[in-house]
Structure formats: structure tokens, C-alpha cells
């Protein structure tokens, strides 16, 4: 039996700090909300609940600026994104996110 991978959510997120910090979807499929908790820390809520053991999340920084980004699945509908600059400090950055369901 082979696994089947199904896309369940995808978005391009414009996250920005400065004088008016915030976050906005520039495109969105499958996410209910997105918010900025603090510099480099975002929380996205999926439209539907999913089994966390069968979800794969891929997140990529949109900008060409050096740094890292990671995604953590917090529960059946919540994903937390953490973004860092090249020195390891929390930093706002636009990003792409894709969420897949893996079925056997």
C-alpha cells in the first residue's frame, strides 16, 4: 500500500514589523486566520481540524534575506511559525506555507 499526499492548505503570508507590525494573506487556501504574536512568531489556524500525525507542513522564507524559518503543529488546527535572521534573532519575514495530509 502506498501513501497518498493531499494538499489541504497553502498561503503566501506577508509578515512585517516596524511601526505597524502585522500579517496579511496575499493568497490563501485552507487557512481561517493568521496572526503575528511577536517579532518572527506567527500563528495560523486551518479551516478544518486534522489528525496531527498525518500532517506535513512545509514553510519557506519568501525573501532573499539570510535566516531560517520553522513550522510547529500545535494541535489539530493550529500551526506556529518561527522566523529568525542570520544571527538567530527573531525577525519578521514574508513566507510561503503548504500543508499536506498523508493517507495510507
PDB file of N, CA and C in Angstrom:
ATOM      1  N   UNK A   1       0.848  -1.172   0.000  1.00  0.00           N
ATOM      2  CA  UNK A   1       0.000   0.000   0.000  1.00  0.00           C
ATOM      3  C   UNK A   1       0.891   1.231   0.000  1.00  0.00           C
ATOM      4  N   UNK A   2       0.553   2.220  -0.797  1.00  0.00           N
ATOM      5  CA  UNK A   2       1.349   3.442  -0.838  1.00  0.00           C
ATOM      6  C   UNK A   2       0.599   4.600  -0.181  1.00  0.00           C
ATOM      7  N   UNK A   3       1.383   5.567   0.266  1.00  0.00           N
ATOM      8  CA  UNK A   3       0.783   6.748   0.879  1.00  0.00           C
ATOM      9  C   UNK A   3       0.237   7.672  -0.194  1.00  0.00           C
ATOM     10  N   UNK A   4      -0.804   8.377   0.157  1.00  0.00           N
ATOM     11  CA  UNK A   4      -1.394   9.374  -0.730  1.00  0.00           C
ATOM     12  C   UNK A   4      -1.237  10.726  -0.052  1.00  0.00           C
ATOM     13  N   UNK A   5      -0.693  11.687  -0.767  1.00  0.00           N
ATOM     14  CA  UNK A   5      -0.488  13.025  -0.217  1.00  0.00           C
ATOM     15  C   UNK A   5      -1.510  13.956  -0.847  1.00  0.00           C
ATOM     16  N   UNK A   6      -2.275  14.650   0.014  1.00  0.00           N
ATOM     17  CA  UNK A   6      -3.309  15.564  -0.453  1.00  0.00           C
ATOM     18  C   UNK A   6      -3.045  16.967   0.100  1.00  0.00           C
ATOM     19  N   UNK A   7      -3.005  17.984  -0.758  1.00  0.00           N
ATOM     20  CA  UNK A   7      -2.859  19.352  -0.243  1.00  0.00           C
ATOM     21  C   UNK A   7      -4.136  19.772   0.481  1.00  0.00           C
ATOM     22  N   UNK A   8      -3.986  20.365   1.670  1.00  0.00           N
ATOM     23  CA  UNK A   8      -5.160  20.835   2.402  1.00  0.00           C
ATOM     24  C   UNK A   8      -5.120  22.342   2.660  1.00  0.00           C
ATOM     25  N   UNK A   9      -3.933  22.950   2.575  1.00  0.00           N
ATOM     26  CA  UNK A   9      -3.847  24.396   2.779  1.00  0.00           C
ATOM     27  C   UNK A   9      -2.575  24.932   2.144  1.00  0.00           C
ATOM     28  N   UNK A  10      -2.649  26.166   1.662  1.00  0.00           N
ATOM     29  CA  UNK A  10      -1.490  26.843   1.089  1.00  0.00           C
ATOM     30  C   UNK A  10      -1.715  28.344   1.193  1.00  0.00           C
ATOM     31  N   UNK A  11      -0.634  29.081   1.418  1.00  0.00           N
ATOM     32  CA  UNK A  11      -0.760  30.534   1.506  1.00  0.00           C
ATOM     33  C   UNK A  11       0.580  31.197   1.269  1.00  0.00           C
ATOM     34  N   UNK A  12       0.505  32.439   0.840  1.00  0.00           N
ATOM     35  CA  UNK A  12       1.642  33.334   0.851  1.00  0.00           C
ATOM     36  C   UNK A  12       1.309  34.370   1.914  1.00  0.00           C
ATOM     37  N   UNK A  13       2.188  34.499   2.893  1.00  0.00           N
ATOM     38  CA  UNK A  13       1.953  35.399   4.019  1.00  0.00           C
ATOM     39  C   UNK A  13       2.933  36.564   3.946  1.00  0.00           C
ATOM     40  N   UNK A  14       2.411  37.773   4.029  1.00  0.00           N
ATOM     41  CA  UNK A  14       3.250  38.959   4.112  1.00  0.00           C
ATOM     42  C   UNK A  14       3.293  39.377   5.570  1.00  0.00           C
ATOM     43  N   UNK A  15       4.414  39.111   6.234  1.00  0.00           N
ATOM     44  CA  UNK A  15       4.582  39.464   7.641  1.00  0.00           C
ATOM     45  C   UNK A  15       5.552  40.632   7.719  1.00  0.00           C
ATOM     46  N   UNK A  16       5.219  41.606   8.529  1.00  0.00           N
ATOM     47  CA  UNK A  16       6.059  42.792   8.600  1.00  0.00           C
ATOM     48  C   UNK A  16       6.095  43.353  10.015  1.00  0.00           C
ATOM     49  N   UNK A  17       7.230  43.904  10.371  1.00  0.00           N
ATOM     50  CA  UNK A  17       7.420  44.521  11.686  1.00  0.00           C
ATOM     51  C   UNK A  17       7.382  46.034  11.538  1.00  0.00           C
ATOM     52  N   UNK A  18       8.290  46.703  12.204  1.00  0.00           N
ATOM     53  CA  UNK A  18       8.378  48.151  12.101  1.00  0.00           C
ATOM     54  C   UNK A  18       7.316  48.871  12.908  1.00  0.00           C
ATOM     55  N   UNK A  19       6.917  50.050  12.429  1.00  0.00           N
ATOM     56  CA  UNK A  19       5.956  50.895  13.143  1.00  0.00           C
ATOM     57  C   UNK A  19       4.545  50.327  13.156  1.00  0.00           C
ATOM     58  N   UNK A  20       4.201  49.544  12.152  1.00  0.00           N
ATOM     59  CA  UNK A  20       2.853  48.955  12.076  1.00  0.00           C
ATOM     60  C   UNK A  20       2.971  47.455  11.843  1.00  0.00           C
ATOM     61  N   UNK A  21       3.415  46.688  12.864  1.00  0.00           N
ATOM     62  CA  UNK A  21       3.607  45.250  12.678  1.00  0.00           C
ATOM     63  C   UNK A  21       2.285  44.540  12.393  1.00  0.00           C
ATOM     64  N   UNK A  22       2.371  43.510  11.581  1.00  0.00           N
ATOM     65  CA  UNK A  22       1.167  42.755  11.274  1.00  0.00           C
ATOM     66  C   UNK A  22       1.443  41.623  10.319  1.00  0.00           C
ATOM     67  N   UNK A  23       0.360  41.060   9.819  1.00  0.00           N
ATOM     68  CA  UNK A  23       0.447  39.924   8.917  1.00  0.00           C
ATOM     69  C   UNK A  23      -0.776  39.959   8.019  1.00  0.00           C
ATOM     70  N   UNK A  24      -0.584  39.572   6.748  1.00  0.00           N
ATOM     71  CA  UNK A  24      -1.717  39.516   5.836  1.00  0.00           C
ATOM     72  C   UNK A  24      -1.521  38.379   4.841  1.00  0.00           C
ATOM     73  N   UNK A  25      -2.641  37.793   4.433  1.00  0.00           N
ATOM     74  CA  UNK A  25      -2.598  36.786   3.375  1.00  0.00           C
ATOM     75  C   UNK A  25      -2.506  37.526   2.044  1.00  0.00           C
ATOM     76  N   UNK A  26      -1.527  37.162   1.200  1.00  0.00           N
ATOM     77  CA  UNK A  26      -1.567  37.690  -0.158  1.00  0.00           C
ATOM     78  C   UNK A  26      -2.274  36.675  -1.061  1.00  0.00           C
ATOM     79  N   UNK A  27      -2.216  35.413  -0.711  1.00  0.00           N
ATOM     80  CA  UNK A  27      -3.079  34.374  -1.290  1.00  0.00           C
ATOM     81  C   UNK A  27      -3.360  33.383  -0.177  1.00  0.00           C
ATOM     82  N   UNK A  28      -4.498  32.705  -0.259  1.00  0.00           N
ATOM     83  CA  UNK A  28      -4.861  31.805   0.827  1.00  0.00           C
ATOM     84  C   UNK A  28      -5.810  30.733   0.332  1.00  0.00           C
ATOM     85  N   UNK A  29      -5.536  29.503   0.754  1.00  0.00           N
ATOM     86  CA  UNK A  29      -6.445  28.370   0.546  1.00  0.00           C
ATOM     87  C   UNK A  29      -6.319  27.469   1.760  1.00  0.00           C
ATOM     88  N   UNK A  30      -7.379  27.330   2.521  1.00  0.00           N
ATOM     89  CA  UNK A  30      -7.388  26.376   3.613  1.00  0.00           C
ATOM     90  C   UNK A  30      -7.044  26.914   4.985  1.00  0.00           C
ATOM     91  N   UNK A  31      -6.706  28.198   5.093  1.00  0.00           N
ATOM     92  CA  UNK A  31      -6.441  28.790   6.398  1.00  0.00           C
ATOM     93  C   UNK A  31      -7.586  29.722   6.787  1.00  0.00           C
ATOM     94  N   UNK A  32      -7.984  29.649   8.045  1.00  0.00           N
ATOM     95  CA  UNK A  32      -9.050  30.509   8.568  1.00  0.00           C
ATOM     96  C   UNK A  32      -8.491  31.861   8.988  1.00  0.00           C
ATOM     97  N   UNK A  33      -7.402  31.841   9.758  1.00  0.00           N
ATOM     98  CA  UNK A  33      -6.800  33.079  10.258  1.00  0.00           C
ATOM     99  C   UNK A  33      -5.284  32.971  10.299  1.00  0.00           C
ATOM    100  N   UNK A  34      -4.645  34.129  10.378  1.00  0.00           N
ATOM    101  CA  UNK A  34      -3.207  34.227  10.593  1.00  0.00           C
ATOM    102  C   UNK A  34      -2.974  35.453  11.457  1.00  0.00           C
ATOM    103  N   UNK A  35      -2.052  35.345  12.428  1.00  0.00           N
ATOM    104  CA  UNK A  35      -1.757  36.492  13.284  1.00  0.00           C
ATOM    105  C   UNK A  35      -0.274  36.511  13.632  1.00  0.00           C
ATOM    106  N   UNK A  36       0.193  37.679  13.999  1.00  0.00           N
ATOM    107  CA  UNK A  36       1.583  37.868  14.424  1.00  0.00           C
ATOM    108  C   UNK A  36       1.571  38.026  15.937  1.00  0.00           C
ATOM    109  N   UNK A  37       2.229  37.115  16.653  1.00  0.00           N
ATOM    110  CA  UNK A  37       2.286  37.170  18.112  1.00  0.00           C
ATOM    111  C   UNK A  37       3.356  38.143  18.591  1.00  0.00           C
ATOM    112  N   UNK A  38       4.494  38.111  17.928  1.00  0.00           N
ATOM    113  CA  UNK A  38       5.626  38.998  18.233  1.00  0.00           C
ATOM    114  C   UNK A  38       6.573  38.916  17.045  1.00  0.00           C
ATOM    115  N   UNK A  39       7.674  39.624  17.119  1.00  0.00           N
ATOM    116  CA  UNK A  39       8.626  39.607  16.015  1.00  0.00           C
ATOM    117  C   UNK A  39       9.016  38.169  15.669  1.00  0.00           C
ATOM    118  N   UNK A  40       8.787  37.776  14.410  1.00  0.00           N
ATOM    119  CA  UNK A  40       9.161  36.456  13.938  1.00  0.00           C
ATOM    120  C   UNK A  40       8.304  35.299  14.406  1.00  0.00           C
ATOM    121  N   UNK A  41       7.197  35.561  15.094  1.00  0.00           N
ATOM    122  CA  UNK A  41       6.354  34.486  15.622  1.00  0.00           C
ATOM    123  C   UNK A  41       4.916  34.672  15.142  1.00  0.00           C
ATOM    124  N   UNK A  42       4.391  33.669  14.424  1.00  0.00           N
ATOM    125  CA  UNK A  42       3.068  33.752  13.804  1.00  0.00           C
ATOM    126  C   UNK A  42       2.256  32.511  14.138  1.00  0.00           C
ATOM    127  N   UNK A  43       0.946  32.666  14.194  1.00  0.00           N
ATOM    128  CA  UNK A  43       0.047  31.548  14.440  1.00  0.00           C
ATOM    129  C   UNK A  43      -0.990  31.528  13.321  1.00  0.00           C
ATOM    130  N   UNK A  44      -1.118  30.379  12.651  1.00  0.00           N
ATOM    131  CA  UNK A  44      -2.085  30.191  11.580  1.00  0.00           C
ATOM    132  C   UNK A  44      -3.076  29.125  11.992  1.00  0.00           C
ATOM    133  N   UNK A  45      -4.351  29.350  11.678  1.00  0.00           N
ATOM    134  CA  UNK A  45      -5.405  28.399  12.002  1.00  0.00           C
ATOM    135  C   UNK A  45      -5.986  27.846  10.703  1.00  0.00           C
ATOM    136  N   UNK A  46      -6.025  26.514  10.610  1.00  0.00           N
ATOM    137  CA  UNK A  46      -6.593  25.852   9.441  1.00  0.00           C
ATOM    138  C   UNK A  46      -8.111  25.960   9.448  1.00  0.00           C
ATOM    139  N   UNK A  47      -8.718  25.875   8.267  1.00  0.00           N
ATOM    140  CA  UNK A  47     -10.178  25.885   8.151  1.00  0.00           C
ATOM    141  C   UNK A  47     -10.818  24.705   8.869  1.00  0.00           C
ATOM    142  N   UNK A  48     -10.167  23.548   8.806  1.00  0.00           N
ATOM    143  CA  UNK A  48     -10.705  22.326   9.393  1.00  0.00           C
ATOM    144  C   UNK A  48      -9.684  21.685  10.324  1.00  0.00           C
ATOM    145  N   UNK A  49     -10.157  20.785  11.192  1.00  0.00           N
ATOM    146  CA  UNK A  49      -9.264  20.043  12.086  1.00  0.00           C
ATOM    147  C   UNK A  49      -8.733  18.813  11.360  1.00  0.00           C
ATOM    148  N   UNK A  50      -7.480  18.451  11.669  1.00  0.00           N
ATOM    149  CA  UNK A  50      -6.822  17.317  11.021  1.00  0.00           C
ATOM    150  C   UNK A  50      -6.024  16.528  12.051  1.00  0.00           C
ATOM    151  N   UNK A  51      -5.820  15.251  11.781  1.00  0.00           N
ATOM    152  CA  UNK A  51      -5.007  14.394  12.637  1.00  0.00           C
ATOM    153  C   UNK A  51      -3.553  14.839  12.537  1.00  0.00           C
ATOM    154  N   UNK A  52      -2.978  15.319  13.635  1.00  0.00           N
ATOM    155  CA  UNK A  52      -1.619  15.868  13.606  1.00  0.00           C
ATOM    156  C   UNK A  52      -0.567  14.833  13.217  1.00  0.00           C
ATOM    157  N   UNK A  53      -0.868  13.554  13.382  1.00  0.00           N
ATOM    158  CA  UNK A  53       0.078  12.501  12.998  1.00  0.00           C
ATOM    159  C   UNK A  53       0.114  12.268  11.493  1.00  0.00           C
ATOM    160  N   UNK A  54      -0.803  12.888  10.774  1.00  0.00           N
ATOM    161  CA  UNK A  54      -0.874  12.695   9.322  1.00  0.00           C
ATOM    162  C   UNK A  54      -0.808  14.019   8.566  1.00  0.00           C
ATOM    163  N   UNK A  55      -0.140  15.006   9.166  1.00  0.00           N
ATOM    164  CA  UNK A  55       0.018  16.310   8.523  1.00  0.00           C
ATOM    165  C   UNK A  55       1.497  16.566   8.267  1.00  0.00           C
ATOM    166  N   UNK A  56       1.802  17.080   7.080  1.00  0.00           N
ATOM    167  CA  UNK A  56       3.151  17.509   6.748  1.00  0.00           C
ATOM    168  C   UNK A  56       3.077  18.995   6.411  1.00  0.00           C
ATOM    169  N   UNK A  57       3.915  19.808   7.064  1.00  0.00           N
ATOM    170  CA  UNK A  57       3.924  21.249   6.846  1.00  0.00           C
ATOM    171  C   UNK A  57       5.256  21.647   6.235  1.00  0.00           C
ATOM    172  N   UNK A  58       5.193  22.411   5.154  1.00  0.00           N
ATOM    173  CA  UNK A  58       6.400  22.943   4.529  1.00  0.00           C
ATOM    174  C   UNK A  58       6.298  24.456   4.526  1.00  0.00           C
ATOM    175  N   UNK A  59       7.310  25.117   5.067  1.00  0.00           N
ATOM    176  CA  UNK A  59       7.331  26.577   5.123  1.00  0.00           C
ATOM    177  C   UNK A  59       8.677  27.062   4.593  1.00  0.00           C
ATOM    178  N   UNK A  60       8.632  28.132   3.773  1.00  0.00           N
ATOM    179  CA  UNK A  60       9.822  28.672   3.134  1.00  0.00           C
ATOM    180  C   UNK A  60       9.799  30.193   3.214  1.00  0.00           C
ATOM    181  N   UNK A  61      10.913  30.781   3.574  1.00  0.00           N
ATOM    182  CA  UNK A  61      11.013  32.241   3.572  1.00  0.00           C
ATOM    183  C   UNK A  61      10.859  32.756   2.147  1.00  0.00           C
ATOM    184  N   UNK A  62      10.109  33.819   1.968  1.00  0.00           N
ATOM    185  CA  UNK A  62       9.872  34.398   0.646  1.00  0.00           C
ATOM    186  C   UNK A  62      11.014  35.315   0.223  1.00  0.00           C
ATOM    187  N   UNK A  63      11.601  36.010   1.153  1.00  0.00           N
ATOM    188  CA  UNK A  63      12.637  36.985   0.821  1.00  0.00           C
ATOM    189  C   UNK A  63      13.984  36.322   0.592  1.00  0.00           C
ATOM    190  N   UNK A  64      14.893  37.057  -0.026  1.00  0.00           N
ATOM    191  CA  UNK A  64      16.236  36.556  -0.264  1.00  0.00           C
ATOM    192  C   UNK A  64      17.178  36.825   0.890  1.00  0.00           C
ATOM    193  N   UNK A  65      16.666  37.342   1.998  1.00  0.00           N
ATOM    194  CA  UNK A  65      17.489  37.655   3.162  1.00  0.00           C
ATOM    195  C   UNK A  65      17.840  36.356   3.892  1.00  0.00           C
ATOM    196  N   UNK A  66      19.087  36.251   4.330  1.00  0.00           N
ATOM    197  CA  UNK A  66      19.538  35.049   5.032  1.00  0.00           C
ATOM    198  C   UNK A  66      18.815  34.885   6.363  1.00  0.00           C
ATOM    199  N   UNK A  67      18.577  33.648   6.742  1.00  0.00           N
ATOM    200  CA  UNK A  67      17.914  33.346   8.002  1.00  0.00           C
ATOM    201  C   UNK A  67      17.264  31.985   7.929  1.00  0.00           C
ATOM    202  N   UNK A  68      16.462  31.667   8.939  1.00  0.00           N
ATOM    203  CA  UNK A  68      15.780  30.373   8.959  1.00  0.00           C
ATOM    204  C   UNK A  68      14.326  30.558   9.366  1.00  0.00           C
ATOM    205  N   UNK A  69      13.552  29.530   9.089  1.00  0.00           N
ATOM    206  CA  UNK A  69      12.132  29.542   9.437  1.00  0.00           C
ATOM    207  C   UNK A  69      11.721  28.109   9.744  1.00  0.00           C
ATOM    208  N   UNK A  70      10.812  27.936  10.692  1.00  0.00           N
ATOM    209  CA  UNK A  70      10.344  26.589  11.027  1.00  0.00           C
ATOM    210  C   UNK A  70       8.856  26.623  11.357  1.00  0.00           C
ATOM    211  N   UNK A  71       8.221  25.490  11.187  1.00  0.00           N
ATOM    212  CA  UNK A  71       6.795  25.337  11.493  1.00  0.00           C
ATOM    213  C   UNK A  71       6.621  24.260  12.547  1.00  0.00           C
ATOM    214  N   UNK A  72       5.728  24.514  13.498  1.00  0.00           N
ATOM    215  CA  UNK A  72       5.384  23.539  14.529  1.00  0.00           C
ATOM    216  C   UNK A  72       3.869  23.386  14.557  1.00  0.00           C
ATOM    217  N   UNK A  73       3.393  22.143  14.458  1.00  0.00           N
ATOM    218  CA  UNK A  73       1.959  21.865  14.557  1.00  0.00           C
ATOM    219  C   UNK A  73       1.618  21.821  16.041  1.00  0.00           C
ATOM    220  N   UNK A  74       0.762  22.755  16.503  1.00  0.00           N
ATOM    221  CA  UNK A  74       0.431  22.841  17.924  1.00  0.00           C
ATOM    222  C   UNK A  74      -0.744  21.954  18.305  1.00  0.00           C
ATOM    223  N   UNK A  75      -1.718  21.834  17.416  1.00  0.00           N
ATOM    224  CA  UNK A  75      -2.874  20.970  17.654  1.00  0.00           C
ATOM    225  C   UNK A  75      -3.548  20.681  16.316  1.00  0.00           C
ATOM    226  N   UNK A  76      -4.772  20.184  16.333  1.00  0.00           N
ATOM    227  CA  UNK A  76      -5.459  19.719  15.124  1.00  0.00           C
ATOM    228  C   UNK A  76      -5.749  20.805  14.095  1.00  0.00           C
ATOM    229  N   UNK A  77      -5.620  22.082  14.494  1.00  0.00           N
ATOM    230  CA  UNK A  77      -5.905  23.147  13.537  1.00  0.00           C
ATOM    231  C   UNK A  77      -4.952  24.339  13.631  1.00  0.00           C
ATOM    232  N   UNK A  78      -3.949  24.272  14.505  1.00  0.00           N
ATOM    233  CA  UNK A  78      -3.082  25.426  14.734  1.00  0.00           C
ATOM    234  C   UNK A  78      -1.627  25.116  14.396  1.00  0.00           C
ATOM    235  N   UNK A  79      -1.014  26.014  13.615  1.00  0.00           N
ATOM    236  CA  UNK A  79       0.385  25.892  13.232  1.00  0.00           C
ATOM    237  C   UNK A  79       1.104  27.165  13.658  1.00  0.00           C
ATOM    238  N   UNK A  80       2.246  27.006  14.308  1.00  0.00           N
ATOM    239  CA  UNK A  80       3.052  28.150  14.719  1.00  0.00           C
ATOM    240  C   UNK A  80       4.290  28.236  13.838  1.00  0.00           C
ATOM    241  N   UNK A  81       4.583  29.425  13.341  1.00  0.00           N
ATOM    242  CA  UNK A  81       5.746  29.667  12.506  1.00  0.00           C
ATOM    243  C   UNK A  81       6.721  30.543  13.285  1.00  0.00           C
ATOM    244  N   UNK A  82       7.997  30.159  13.280  1.00  0.00           N
ATOM    245  CA  UNK A  82       9.057  30.946  13.922  1.00  0.00           C
ATOM    246  C   UNK A  82      10.097  31.294  12.867  1.00  0.00           C
ATOM    247  N   UNK A  83      10.418  32.580  12.762  1.00  0.00           N
ATOM    248  CA  UNK A  83      11.355  33.061  11.746  1.00  0.00           C
ATOM    249  C   UNK A  83      12.515  33.799  12.417  1.00  0.00           C
ATOM    250  N   UNK A  84      13.734  33.557  11.918  1.00  0.00           N
ATOM    251  CA  UNK A  84      14.943  34.123  12.505  1.00  0.00           C
ATOM    252  C   UNK A  84      15.832  34.720  11.420  1.00  0.00           C
ATOM    253  N   UNK A  85      16.588  35.767  11.767  1.00  0.00           N
ATOM    254  CA  UNK A  85      17.537  36.332  10.814  1.00  0.00           C
ATOM    255  C   UNK A  85      18.840  35.533  10.851  1.00  0.00           C
ATOM    256  N   UNK A  86      19.844  35.991  10.122  1.00  0.00           N
ATOM    257  CA  UNK A  86      21.108  35.256  10.006  1.00  0.00           C
ATOM    258  C   UNK A  86      21.852  35.143  11.334  1.00  0.00           C
ATOM    259  N   UNK A  87      21.571  36.036  12.289  1.00  0.00           N
ATOM    260  CA  UNK A  87      22.245  35.979  13.592  1.00  0.00           C
ATOM    261  C   UNK A  87      21.490  35.107  14.591  1.00  0.00           C
ATOM    262  N   UNK A  88      20.298  34.620  14.209  1.00  0.00           N
ATOM    263  CA  UNK A  88      19.493  33.791  15.094  1.00  0.00           C
ATOM    264  C   UNK A  88      18.466  34.567  15.898  1.00  0.00           C
ATOM    265  N   UNK A  89      18.367  35.886  15.647  1.00  0.00           N
ATOM    266  CA  UNK A  89      17.366  36.709  16.335  1.00  0.00           C
ATOM    267  C   UNK A  89      16.015  36.597  15.640  1.00  0.00           C
ATOM    268  N   UNK A  90      14.940  36.640  16.408  1.00  0.00           N
ATOM    269  CA  UNK A  90      13.594  36.604  15.830  1.00  0.00           C
ATOM    270  C   UNK A  90      13.437  37.764  14.850  1.00  0.00           C
ATOM    271  N   UNK A  91      12.871  37.486  13.671  1.00  0.00           N
ATOM    272  CA  UNK A  91      12.752  38.516  12.640  1.00  0.00           C
ATOM    273  C   UNK A  91      11.526  38.269  11.779  1.00  0.00           C
ATOM    274  N   UNK A  92      10.818  39.330  11.438  1.00  0.00           N
ATOM    275  CA  UNK A  92       9.662  39.228  10.555  1.00  0.00           C
ATOM    276  C   UNK A  92      10.125  39.013   9.117  1.00  0.00           C
ATOM    277  N   UNK A  93       9.407  38.151   8.403  1.00  0.00           N
ATOM    278  CA  UNK A  93       9.713  37.893   7.002  1.00  0.00           C
ATOM    279  C   UNK A  93       8.476  37.339   6.310  1.00  0.00           C
ATOM    280  N   UNK A  94       8.281  37.669   5.038  1.00  0.00           N
ATOM    281  CA  UNK A  94       7.203  37.026   4.275  1.00  0.00           C
ATOM    282  C   UNK A  94       7.559  35.550   4.057  1.00  0.00           C
ATOM    283  N   UNK A  95       6.516  34.694   3.929  1.00  0.00           N
ATOM    284  CA  UNK A  95       6.799  33.272   3.729  1.00  0.00           C
ATOM    285  C   UNK A  95       5.681  32.564   2.967  1.00  0.00           C
ATOM    286  N   UNK A  96       6.046  31.419   2.410  1.00  0.00           N
ATOM    287  CA  UNK A  96       5.115  30.502   1.757  1.00  0.00           C
ATOM    288  C   UNK A  96       4.866  29.354   2.723  1.00  0.00           C
ATOM    289  N   UNK A  97       3.631  28.860   2.791  1.00  0.00           N
ATOM    290  CA  UNK A  97       3.345  27.702   3.614  1.00  0.00           C
ATOM    291  C   UNK A  97       2.421  26.764   2.842  1.00  0.00           C
ATOM    292  N   UNK A  98       2.725  25.469   2.910  1.00  0.00           N
ATOM    293  CA  UNK A  98       1.899  24.419   2.325  1.00  0.00           C
ATOM    294  C   UNK A  98       1.670  23.345   3.374  1.00  0.00           C
ATOM    295  N   UNK A  99       0.436  22.870   3.479  1.00  0.00           N
ATOM    296  CA  UNK A  99       0.095  21.816   4.427  1.00  0.00           C
ATOM    297  C   UNK A  99      -0.516  20.665   3.652  1.00  0.00           C
ATOM    298  N   UNK A 100      -0.029  19.460   3.941  1.00  0.00           N
ATOM    299  CA  UNK A 100      -0.489  18.254   3.249  1.00  0.00           C
ATOM    300  C   UNK A 100      -1.007  17.237   4.258  1.00  0.00           C
ATOM    301  N   UNK A 101      -1.989  16.463   3.841  1.00  0.00           N
ATOM    302  CA  UNK A 101      -2.468  15.316   4.627  1.00  0.00           C
ATOM    303  C   UNK A 101      -1.891  14.075   3.961  1.00  0.00           C
ATOM    304  N   UNK A 102      -1.307  13.186   4.790  1.00  0.00           N
ATOM    305  CA  UNK A 102      -0.736  11.941   4.279  1.00  0.00           C
ATOM    306  C   UNK A 102      -1.669  10.806   4.694  1.00  0.00           C
ATOM    307  N   UNK A 103      -2.154  10.069   3.712  1.00  0.00           N
ATOM    308  CA  UNK A 103      -3.040   8.926   3.966  1.00  0.00           C
ATOM    309  C   UNK A 103      -2.392   7.665   3.456  1.00  0.00           C
ATOM    310  N   UNK A 104      -2.607   6.584   4.177  1.00  0.00           N
ATOM    311  CA  UNK A 104      -2.072   5.282   3.760  1.00  0.00           C
ATOM    312  C   UNK A 104      -3.119   4.497   3.025  1.00  0.00           C
TER     313      UNK A 104
END
